[in-house]
Amino acid sequence: MPTVNRRHFLGVLAAATVAGVGVARETVGVPPRTFPAASAAAASPGTSGLASPALLAPPPPGNRIPLPGGGALTSLPGTGDLLALTVDDGVNSEVVRLYTQFAKDTGIRLTFFVNGRYGSWTEHLGMLRPLVDSGQIQLGNHTWSHPDLTTVSQRQIVDELTRNDRFLKTTYGIDAAPYFRPPYGKHNATVDAVAADLGYTANTLWSGSLSDSTLITEDYIIKMANQYFTPQTIVIGHLNHLPVTRVYGQLVDIIRSRNLRTVTLDDVFLKP
């Protein structure tokens, strides 16, 4: 059998299989790049201007609005210039570290939907905690171990949400309620009712995706960002695979070129 170029093969494979927003559990053994500090005079090659200019600040706290009642939250209401980039799971500890460094370097505001079972959330506690305390990174509940909640008992739904809730309170000192994201986006009336009884009334889905829950190419991630980095969109990404860590500069360029303000959910909505 002839030798196959692995990078070429992965690129072709990704282009053919990028549909869907499931959760993969593999990691990619490609060394990630590091990123310049925000005070650096210029970005290193390929980071495309991470250091300057600064991203636009979020709206002032006085602009926060009540959470919409009823149904899942899929986008930010009204018209404006806001972009909520929400990032799930935490399978790959290095991706969690680099996303956190990305936030430190650029000021981008992010909401992480955490599965507490992954060691990445304790391994990088010292790096993450200051950004969580400042409000630049918000943590939401994505269940403890990422089951399809529509296929388990009500007792298991409670266990998944409450175990992750305790983890976030104990480890980060925060109450993630009311925001939870059901794994795979799958929910029904039972899931929503059980979650609401636990204080998780904001079932947070999305209106755009980086499509990076599985291994895809860097070019495809940028294609998705160009499509979905638009005003008032909630975009889902994942903390599972390294390719996204090599396109942070391009992601920031898209945000800046469109004069978008990155926000956490807490930047937009009043706490109930």
Protein backbone atom coordinates (compact mmCIF):
# COMPACT_ATOMS: atom_id res chain seq x y z
CA MET A 1 0.00 0.00 0.00
CA PRO A 2 1.41 3.45 -0.84
CA THR A 3 2.38 5.78 2.00
CA VAL A 4 -0.32 8.37 2.75
CA ASN A 5 0.60 11.88 3.82
CA ARG A 6 -1.14 12.20 7.20
CA ARG A 7 -1.78 15.96 7.08
CA HIS A 8 -3.28 15.68 3.61
CA PHE A 9 -5.41 12.75 4.69
CA LEU A 10 -6.75 14.58 7.76
CA GLY A 11 -7.57 17.65 5.71
CA VAL A 12 -9.53 15.61 3.17
CA LEU A 13 -11.23 13.59 5.89
CA ALA A 14 -12.25 16.69 7.84
CA ALA A 15 -13.74 18.40 4.80
CA ALA A 16 -15.93 15.36 4.26
CA THR A 17 -17.04 14.84 7.87
CA VAL A 18 -17.50 18.23 9.51
CA ALA A 19 -21.28 18.01 9.93
CA GLY A 20 -22.74 17.76 13.42
CA VAL A 21 -21.89 19.09 16.85
CA GLY A 22 -21.21 15.91 18.84
CA VAL A 23 -18.43 15.47 21.33
CA ALA A 24 -15.30 13.54 20.47
CA ARG A 25 -12.96 12.18 23.06
CA GLU A 26 -9.70 12.00 21.10
CA THR A 27 -6.83 14.46 21.27
CA VAL A 28 -4.38 15.53 18.59
CA GLY A 29 -0.66 15.06 19.11
CA VAL A 30 0.48 18.25 17.37
CA PRO A 31 2.52 20.71 19.46
CA PRO A 32 0.50 23.93 19.99
CA ARG A 33 1.94 27.39 19.55
CA THR A 34 2.23 29.91 22.33
CA PHE A 35 0.89 33.45 22.04
CA PRO A 36 2.42 36.85 22.77
CA ALA A 37 1.48 38.79 25.84
CA ALA A 38 -1.00 41.62 25.34
CA SER A 39 1.76 44.16 26.03
CA ALA A 40 4.02 42.84 23.31
CA ALA A 41 4.92 45.28 20.56
CA ALA A 42 3.94 42.90 17.79
CA ALA A 43 2.42 39.48 17.38
CA SER A 44 4.56 36.55 16.40
CA PRO A 45 4.18 35.14 12.89
CA GLY A 46 0.80 33.52 12.32
CA THR A 47 -0.95 35.10 15.30
CA SER A 48 -2.13 37.95 13.10
CA GLY A 49 -2.21 40.85 15.51
CA LEU A 50 -3.16 39.29 18.85
CA ALA A 51 -1.37 42.03 20.76
CA SER A 52 -3.14 45.16 19.43
CA PRO A 53 -5.49 46.90 19.22
CA ALA A 54 -7.54 45.92 22.23
CA LEU A 55 -10.90 44.27 21.75
CA LEU A 56 -13.94 46.41 22.45
CA ALA A 57 -15.09 46.46 26.06
CA PRO A 58 -18.36 44.78 27.03
CA PRO A 59 -21.46 46.90 27.68
CA PRO A 60 -21.69 48.50 31.14
CA PRO A 61 -23.48 46.51 33.85
CA GLY A 62 -26.40 48.93 33.71
CA ASN A 63 -27.27 47.61 30.25
CA ARG A 64 -28.00 44.09 31.46
CA ILE A 65 -31.49 42.77 30.77
CA PRO A 66 -33.69 40.05 32.28
CA LEU A 67 -33.32 36.57 30.87
CA PRO A 68 -36.04 35.77 28.34
CA GLY A 69 -38.67 33.51 29.83
CA GLY A 70 -39.52 30.13 28.37
CA GLY A 71 -37.67 28.01 25.85
CA ALA A 72 -33.98 27.53 25.25
CA LEU A 73 -31.59 30.45 24.86
CA THR A 74 -30.13 30.24 21.33
CA SER A 75 -29.06 33.82 20.61
CA LEU A 76 -28.71 37.20 22.29
CA PRO A 77 -31.95 39.19 22.02
CA GLY A 78 -32.38 42.46 20.17
CA THR A 79 -29.97 44.17 17.82
CA GLY A 80 -26.44 45.20 18.66
CA ASP A 81 -22.77 44.31 18.34
CA LEU A 82 -22.43 41.46 20.84
CA LEU A 83 -20.87 38.04 20.31
CA ALA A 84 -21.06 35.29 22.95
CA LEU A 85 -18.33 32.71 22.32
CA THR A 86 -19.12 29.68 24.49
CA VAL A 87 -16.69 26.76 24.71
CA ASP A 88 -17.53 23.29 26.00
CA ASP A 89 -16.17 20.15 27.66
CA GLY A 90 -12.43 20.28 28.55
CA VAL A 91 -11.25 16.91 27.20
CA ASN A 92 -7.81 18.24 26.26
CA SER A 93 -6.00 19.95 29.12
CA GLU A 94 -3.64 21.78 26.77
CA VAL A 95 -6.54 23.30 24.86
CA VAL A 96 -8.04 24.55 28.13
CA ARG A 97 -4.68 26.09 29.03
CA LEU A 98 -4.25 27.75 25.65
CA TYR A 99 -7.82 29.10 25.53
CA THR A 100 -7.19 30.62 28.96
CA GLN A 101 -3.90 32.10 27.76
CA PHE A 102 -5.75 33.43 24.71
CA ALA A 103 -8.14 35.25 27.04
CA LYS A 104 -5.26 36.66 29.10
CA ASP A 105 -3.43 37.86 26.00
CA THR A 106 -6.35 39.48 24.18
CA GLY A 107 -9.06 40.33 26.70
CA ILE A 108 -11.58 38.18 24.83
CA ARG A 109 -14.53 37.28 27.04
CA LEU A 110 -15.61 33.65 27.10
CA THR A 111 -18.15 31.35 28.69
CA PHE A 112 -16.81 27.86 29.40
CA PHE A 113 -19.38 25.08 29.83
CA VAL A 114 -17.55 22.70 32.12
CA ASN A 115 -17.58 18.91 32.50
CA GLY A 116 -15.96 18.63 35.91
CA ARG A 117 -14.81 15.03 35.38
CA TYR A 118 -11.90 16.25 33.25
CA GLY A 119 -8.65 16.98 35.04
CA SER A 120 -8.08 20.09 32.94
CA TRP A 121 -10.37 22.08 35.26
CA THR A 122 -8.21 21.42 38.32
CA GLU A 123 -4.84 21.34 36.53
CA HIS A 124 -5.29 24.95 35.38
CA LEU A 125 -7.15 26.28 38.39
CA GLY A 126 -4.40 28.76 39.27
CA MET A 127 -4.46 30.21 35.77
CA LEU A 128 -8.24 30.21 35.37
CA ARG A 129 -9.39 31.39 38.78
CA PRO A 130 -8.31 35.05 38.43
CA LEU A 131 -10.14 35.36 35.09
CA VAL A 132 -13.23 33.73 36.58
CA ASP A 133 -13.05 36.03 39.61
CA SER A 134 -12.79 39.10 37.36
CA GLY A 135 -15.74 37.99 35.21
CA GLN A 136 -13.76 37.77 31.97
CA ILE A 137 -14.38 34.02 31.86
CA GLN A 138 -17.73 32.68 33.04
CA LEU A 139 -18.30 29.05 33.94
CA GLY A 140 -21.55 27.22 33.13
CA ASN A 141 -22.80 23.74 33.96
CA HIS A 142 -22.43 21.15 31.18
CA THR A 143 -23.06 18.15 33.52
CA TRP A 144 -20.37 16.14 35.26
CA SER A 145 -19.70 13.47 32.62
CA HIS A 146 -21.51 14.53 29.42
CA PRO A 147 -24.34 11.99 29.01
CA ASP A 148 -27.31 12.48 26.71
CA LEU A 149 -29.76 13.64 29.39
CA THR A 150 -32.76 12.52 27.35
CA THR A 151 -31.65 8.88 27.75
CA VAL A 152 -31.11 8.72 31.51
CA SER A 153 -33.41 8.72 34.54
CA GLN A 154 -34.52 11.84 36.37
CA ARG A 155 -32.33 10.79 39.27
CA GLN A 156 -29.30 10.64 36.95
CA ILE A 157 -30.12 14.08 35.56
CA VAL A 158 -30.11 15.41 39.11
CA ASP A 159 -26.84 13.64 39.91
CA GLU A 160 -25.11 14.97 36.79
CA LEU A 161 -26.10 18.58 37.39
CA THR A 162 -25.66 18.64 41.16
CA ARG A 163 -22.28 16.92 41.12
CA ASN A 164 -20.98 19.44 38.60
CA ASP A 165 -22.60 22.26 40.56
CA ARG A 166 -20.77 21.19 43.73
CA PHE A 167 -17.50 20.92 41.81
CA LEU A 168 -17.79 24.47 40.48
CA LYS A 169 -18.73 25.88 43.88
CA THR A 170 -15.96 24.02 45.70
CA THR A 171 -13.22 24.55 43.12
CA TYR A 172 -14.01 28.01 41.76
CA GLY A 173 -16.29 29.49 44.38
CA ILE A 174 -19.02 30.30 41.86
CA ASP A 175 -22.66 29.45 41.39
CA ALA A 176 -23.05 28.52 37.72
CA ALA A 177 -26.84 28.74 37.83
CA PRO A 178 -28.96 29.57 35.95
CA TYR A 179 -26.90 28.57 32.88
CA PHE A 180 -26.59 24.95 31.82
CA ARG A 181 -25.94 23.39 28.44
CA PRO A 182 -27.31 19.89 27.86
CA PRO A 183 -24.70 17.63 26.24
CA TYR A 184 -25.14 17.37 22.47
CA GLY A 185 -27.83 20.04 22.79
CA LYS A 186 -30.32 17.30 23.60
CA HIS A 187 -33.12 18.11 26.02
CA ASN A 188 -36.83 17.59 26.49
CA ALA A 189 -39.56 18.74 28.87
CA THR A 190 -38.34 16.38 31.59
CA VAL A 191 -34.73 17.54 31.36
CA ASP A 192 -35.78 21.19 31.41
CA ALA A 193 -38.10 20.69 34.39
CA VAL A 194 -35.53 18.80 36.47
CA ALA A 195 -32.85 21.39 35.68
CA ALA A 196 -35.19 24.26 36.54
CA ASP A 197 -35.99 22.67 39.91
CA LEU A 198 -32.24 22.79 40.62
CA GLY A 199 -32.03 26.48 39.68
CA TYR A 200 -30.81 25.88 36.14
CA THR A 201 -33.52 27.74 34.26
CA ALA A 202 -31.40 29.01 31.34
CA ASN A 203 -30.98 26.11 28.91
CA THR A 204 -28.22 27.61 26.78
CA LEU A 205 -27.91 26.34 23.22
CA TRP A 206 -26.42 28.21 20.25
CA SER A 207 -27.07 29.79 16.86
CA GLY A 208 -23.59 29.29 15.38
CA SER A 209 -20.80 26.75 15.69
CA LEU A 210 -17.08 26.40 15.04
CA SER A 211 -17.90 22.72 14.31
CA ASP A 212 -14.80 21.64 16.21
CA SER A 213 -16.27 19.00 18.52
CA THR A 214 -14.53 16.53 16.23
CA LEU A 215 -11.14 16.89 14.59
CA ILE A 216 -11.35 19.33 11.67
CA THR A 217 -8.91 21.53 9.79
CA GLU A 218 -7.85 25.01 10.81
CA ASP A 219 -9.24 26.38 7.54
CA TYR A 220 -12.65 24.95 8.30
CA ILE A 221 -12.68 26.55 11.75
CA ILE A 222 -11.99 29.93 10.13
CA LYS A 223 -14.74 29.28 7.58
CA MET A 224 -17.19 28.66 10.42
CA ALA A 225 -16.03 31.76 12.28
CA ASN A 226 -16.52 33.88 9.17
CA GLN A 227 -20.03 32.47 8.87
CA TYR A 228 -21.13 32.75 12.48
CA PHE A 229 -19.18 35.59 14.13
CA THR A 230 -22.09 37.96 13.63
CA PRO A 231 -24.01 40.32 15.95
CA GLN A 232 -26.09 38.79 18.76
CA THR A 233 -24.95 35.24 18.01
CA ILE A 234 -24.17 32.58 20.61
CA VAL A 235 -21.38 30.48 19.10
CA ILE A 236 -20.33 27.07 20.39
CA GLY A 237 -16.75 25.82 20.32
CA HIS A 238 -14.95 23.00 22.12
CA LEU A 239 -11.96 22.48 24.40
CA ASN A 240 -11.09 19.12 22.87
CA HIS A 241 -8.76 19.45 19.86
CA LEU A 242 -5.65 21.50 19.18
CA PRO A 243 -6.33 22.98 15.69
CA VAL A 244 -8.38 25.86 17.13
CA THR A 245 -5.37 26.92 19.21
CA ARG A 246 -3.47 27.68 16.01
CA VAL A 247 -6.06 30.13 14.62
CA TYR A 248 -6.67 32.43 17.57
CA GLY A 249 -5.15 35.35 15.69
CA GLN A 250 -7.54 34.91 12.77
CA LEU A 251 -10.50 34.63 15.13
CA VAL A 252 -9.55 37.91 16.75
CA ASP A 253 -9.12 39.54 13.33
CA ILE A 254 -12.69 38.61 12.40
CA ILE A 255 -14.03 39.98 15.67
CA ARG A 256 -12.12 43.25 15.29
CA SER A 257 -12.97 43.72 11.62
CA ARG A 258 -16.67 43.46 12.43
CA ASN A 259 -16.46 45.71 15.51
CA LEU A 260 -18.00 43.04 17.72
CA ARG A 261 -17.96 43.06 21.50
CA THR A 262 -17.28 39.67 23.04
CA VAL A 263 -19.43 39.02 26.09
CA THR A 264 -20.13 36.39 28.67
CA LEU A 265 -23.74 35.57 29.39
CA ASP A 266 -23.44 37.41 32.69
CA ASP A 267 -22.40 40.53 30.74
CA VAL A 268 -25.76 40.48 28.97
CA PHE A 269 -28.34 39.19 31.44
CA LEU A 270 -29.29 40.04 35.00
CA LYS A 271 -28.94 37.25 37.52
CA PRO A 272 -32.43 36.03 38.54
